Amino acid sequence: MKKIVVLAFAGLAFLAGCNNQANKAASVPDTKWKGEPYRLAFDSASTKVNPEGVTIPGIKYTANPEAVEKRAILVVHFDITGTSKSTPNTNQMVMAPVDISGTEGALPVDYMQIANKDLSKFLGAYCVKGKVKISVALALSSITQQATDAELNEKRLSDWLPIEVEFKKPRPGC
């Protein structure tokens, strides 16, 4: 009789242990990629001052391995409310396509230099001085240069990444 009771307790302990393992397996977090196919981050190490007057830090990306693109476009939104000029016709800059590869990387340095130069032209045209709030995102290379918000939302590859930059080279006469 004593052996039956011991075997019964051993069996219950075994079953309780198996049940506990099942609960642990069920609580393993879901590691599937969530959100847009690309995640962006600014590279704080590559923030050297640009002679054009504005410096967007280098942009690093991480891609969903199941949604890697070969080309993308950098889109820059900027907020220049409160400038001496009237409200601009546009508050975004759509760059040319750039080659991207792999699941991790950074946008090329020369591409970012062109972005800085082009953004300086926009900001100078509207007599901006000082700090400017911008947001950057990657979009499919098929986006048009005059993309509407609807087209941009449809073809965006990443969430918007905000930052505040300083513009130090306003146009003469502002």
Protein backbone atom coordinates (compact mmCIF):
# COMPACT_ATOMS: atom_id res chain seq x y z
CA MET A 1 0.00 0.00 0.00
CA LYS A 2 2.87 2.33 0.85
CA LYS A 3 4.38 1.76 -2.64
CA ILE A 4 1.09 2.71 -4.33
CA VAL A 5 0.88 5.99 -2.39
CA VAL A 6 4.52 6.83 -3.26
CA LEU A 7 3.91 6.01 -6.94
CA ALA A 8 0.74 8.11 -6.92
CA PHE A 9 2.63 11.12 -5.50
CA ALA A 10 5.47 10.62 -7.99
CA GLY A 11 2.97 10.48 -10.86
CA LEU A 12 1.25 13.65 -9.67
CA ALA A 13 4.59 15.44 -9.31
CA PHE A 14 5.56 14.35 -12.81
CA LEU A 15 2.26 15.59 -14.26
CA ALA A 16 2.52 18.86 -12.36
CA GLY A 17 6.03 19.34 -13.76
CA CYS A 18 4.85 18.69 -17.31
CA ASN A 19 2.00 21.12 -16.88
CA ASN A 20 4.44 23.74 -15.59
CA GLN A 21 6.65 23.28 -18.68
CA ALA A 22 3.62 23.75 -20.93
CA ASN A 23 2.84 27.05 -19.23
CA LYS A 24 6.45 28.21 -19.65
CA ALA A 25 6.39 27.38 -23.36
CA ALA A 26 3.15 29.30 -23.78
CA SER A 27 4.67 32.39 -22.17
CA VAL A 28 7.64 32.65 -24.57
CA PRO A 29 7.44 36.08 -26.22
CA ASP A 30 6.53 36.35 -29.89
CA THR A 31 9.68 37.33 -31.78
CA LYS A 32 7.99 38.15 -35.09
CA TRP A 33 8.82 41.54 -36.61
CA LYS A 34 6.17 44.13 -35.81
CA GLY A 35 5.62 47.48 -37.48
CA GLU A 36 7.17 48.94 -40.61
CA PRO A 37 9.78 46.86 -42.51
CA TYR A 38 12.68 49.15 -41.49
CA ARG A 39 13.73 50.72 -38.21
CA LEU A 40 15.90 53.84 -38.24
CA ALA A 41 18.32 55.28 -35.70
CA PHE A 42 20.65 58.26 -35.75
CA ASP A 43 24.37 57.57 -35.57
CA SER A 44 25.62 59.93 -32.89
CA ALA A 45 29.26 59.12 -33.67
CA SER A 46 29.09 60.59 -37.19
CA THR A 47 27.81 64.06 -36.31
CA LYS A 48 30.46 66.29 -37.82
CA VAL A 49 29.55 69.87 -38.66
CA ASN A 50 28.56 70.38 -42.27
CA PRO A 51 29.74 73.59 -43.99
CA GLU A 52 26.31 73.87 -45.64
CA GLY A 53 24.86 75.08 -42.33
CA VAL A 54 22.81 72.07 -41.18
CA THR A 55 23.84 68.56 -40.21
CA ILE A 56 21.51 65.59 -40.18
CA PRO A 57 23.28 62.84 -38.23
CA GLY A 58 24.10 59.63 -40.07
CA ILE A 59 21.15 57.26 -40.35
CA LYS A 60 21.46 53.56 -39.54
CA TYR A 61 18.78 51.03 -40.45
CA THR A 62 17.68 47.56 -39.44
CA ALA A 63 15.38 45.65 -41.79
CA ASN A 64 12.89 42.88 -41.39
CA PRO A 65 14.68 39.91 -43.01
CA GLU A 66 11.47 39.02 -44.84
CA ALA A 67 11.00 42.51 -46.32
CA VAL A 68 14.45 43.70 -47.43
CA GLU A 69 14.50 46.28 -50.23
CA LYS A 70 17.36 47.04 -52.62
CA ARG A 71 16.61 50.75 -53.06
CA ALA A 72 14.88 53.34 -50.93
CA ILE A 73 14.36 57.08 -50.71
CA LEU A 74 14.97 59.31 -47.71
CA VAL A 75 12.10 61.69 -46.98
CA VAL A 76 12.67 64.65 -44.66
CA HIS A 77 9.77 66.55 -43.08
CA PHE A 78 10.66 69.88 -41.53
CA ASP A 79 8.75 72.32 -39.34
CA ILE A 80 9.54 75.94 -40.14
CA THR A 81 6.53 77.63 -38.60
CA GLY A 82 7.38 81.00 -37.13
CA THR A 83 9.83 81.99 -39.85
CA SER A 84 9.96 85.45 -41.35
CA LYS A 85 8.61 84.18 -44.68
CA SER A 86 5.08 83.01 -45.30
CA THR A 87 4.13 79.36 -44.95
CA PRO A 88 6.06 77.31 -47.52
CA ASN A 89 4.50 75.44 -50.41
CA THR A 90 6.02 72.26 -49.05
CA ASN A 91 7.31 71.01 -45.73
CA GLN A 92 9.06 67.94 -47.06
CA MET A 93 12.08 67.04 -49.09
CA VAL A 94 12.15 63.80 -51.11
CA MET A 95 15.68 62.67 -51.92
CA ALA A 96 16.81 60.59 -54.91
CA PRO A 97 16.84 56.78 -54.56
CA VAL A 98 19.80 55.16 -52.83
CA ASP A 99 21.01 51.57 -52.82
CA ILE A 100 20.58 49.77 -49.51
CA SER A 101 21.48 46.19 -48.86
CA GLY A 102 21.22 43.62 -46.13
CA THR A 103 19.28 43.65 -42.92
CA GLU A 104 21.57 46.20 -41.24
CA GLY A 105 23.52 49.15 -42.51
CA ALA A 106 23.70 52.91 -42.81
CA LEU A 107 22.83 55.39 -45.51
CA PRO A 108 25.99 56.38 -47.41
CA VAL A 109 27.93 59.41 -46.13
CA ASP A 110 27.84 61.16 -49.53
CA TYR A 111 24.05 60.65 -49.67
CA MET A 112 23.70 62.30 -46.25
CA GLN A 113 25.94 65.20 -47.39
CA ILE A 114 23.59 65.79 -50.33
CA ALA A 115 20.63 65.67 -47.91
CA ASN A 116 22.32 68.31 -45.73
CA LYS A 117 23.02 70.53 -48.75
CA ASP A 118 19.46 70.24 -50.08
CA LEU A 119 17.91 70.85 -46.65
CA SER A 120 20.12 73.94 -46.26
CA LYS A 121 18.72 75.31 -49.54
CA PHE A 122 15.14 74.79 -48.31
CA LEU A 123 15.81 76.39 -44.93
CA GLY A 124 17.76 79.28 -46.44
CA ALA A 125 14.94 80.01 -48.89
CA TYR A 126 12.57 80.52 -45.97
CA CYS A 127 15.00 82.58 -43.86
CA VAL A 128 15.14 80.00 -41.09
CA LYS A 129 17.56 80.66 -38.24
CA GLY A 130 18.40 78.42 -35.30
CA LYS A 131 16.83 75.13 -34.30
CA VAL A 132 14.55 73.24 -36.69
CA LYS A 133 12.49 70.14 -35.95
CA ILE A 134 12.80 67.51 -38.65
CA SER A 135 11.63 63.93 -39.08
CA VAL A 136 13.13 61.39 -41.46
CA ALA A 137 11.72 58.18 -42.93
CA LEU A 138 12.57 55.70 -45.65
CA ALA A 139 10.12 55.14 -48.50
CA LEU A 140 9.93 52.88 -51.53
CA SER A 141 12.01 54.14 -54.44
CA SER A 142 8.86 54.45 -56.56
CA ILE A 143 7.57 57.45 -54.56
CA THR A 144 7.19 60.67 -56.55
CA GLN A 145 9.13 63.86 -55.78
CA GLN A 146 5.88 65.70 -54.98
CA ALA A 147 4.38 62.86 -52.93
CA THR A 148 1.17 63.54 -51.08
CA ASP A 149 0.73 62.42 -47.48
CA ALA A 150 -1.46 59.54 -48.68
CA GLU A 151 1.18 58.30 -51.14
CA LEU A 152 3.88 58.70 -48.50
CA ASN A 153 1.93 56.70 -45.92
CA GLU A 154 1.28 53.97 -48.50
CA LYS A 155 4.94 53.67 -49.57
CA ARG A 156 6.71 54.39 -46.30
CA LEU A 157 9.20 51.70 -45.19
CA SER A 158 9.93 53.05 -41.69
CA ASP A 159 8.34 55.05 -38.93
CA TRP A 160 9.21 58.74 -38.70
CA LEU A 161 12.36 59.43 -36.69
CA PRO A 162 12.34 62.96 -35.19
CA ILE A 163 15.32 65.14 -34.27
CA GLU A 164 16.07 68.82 -33.79
CA VAL A 165 18.92 70.26 -35.85
CA GLU A 166 20.46 73.70 -35.93
CA PHE A 167 20.64 75.79 -39.10
CA LYS A 168 23.60 78.16 -38.95
CA LYS A 169 23.80 79.64 -42.43
CA PRO A 170 20.75 81.74 -43.29
CA ARG A 171 20.57 83.41 -46.65
CA PRO A 172 21.92 86.99 -46.84
CA GLY A 173 19.14 89.52 -46.58
CA CYS A 174 16.99 87.56 -44.15
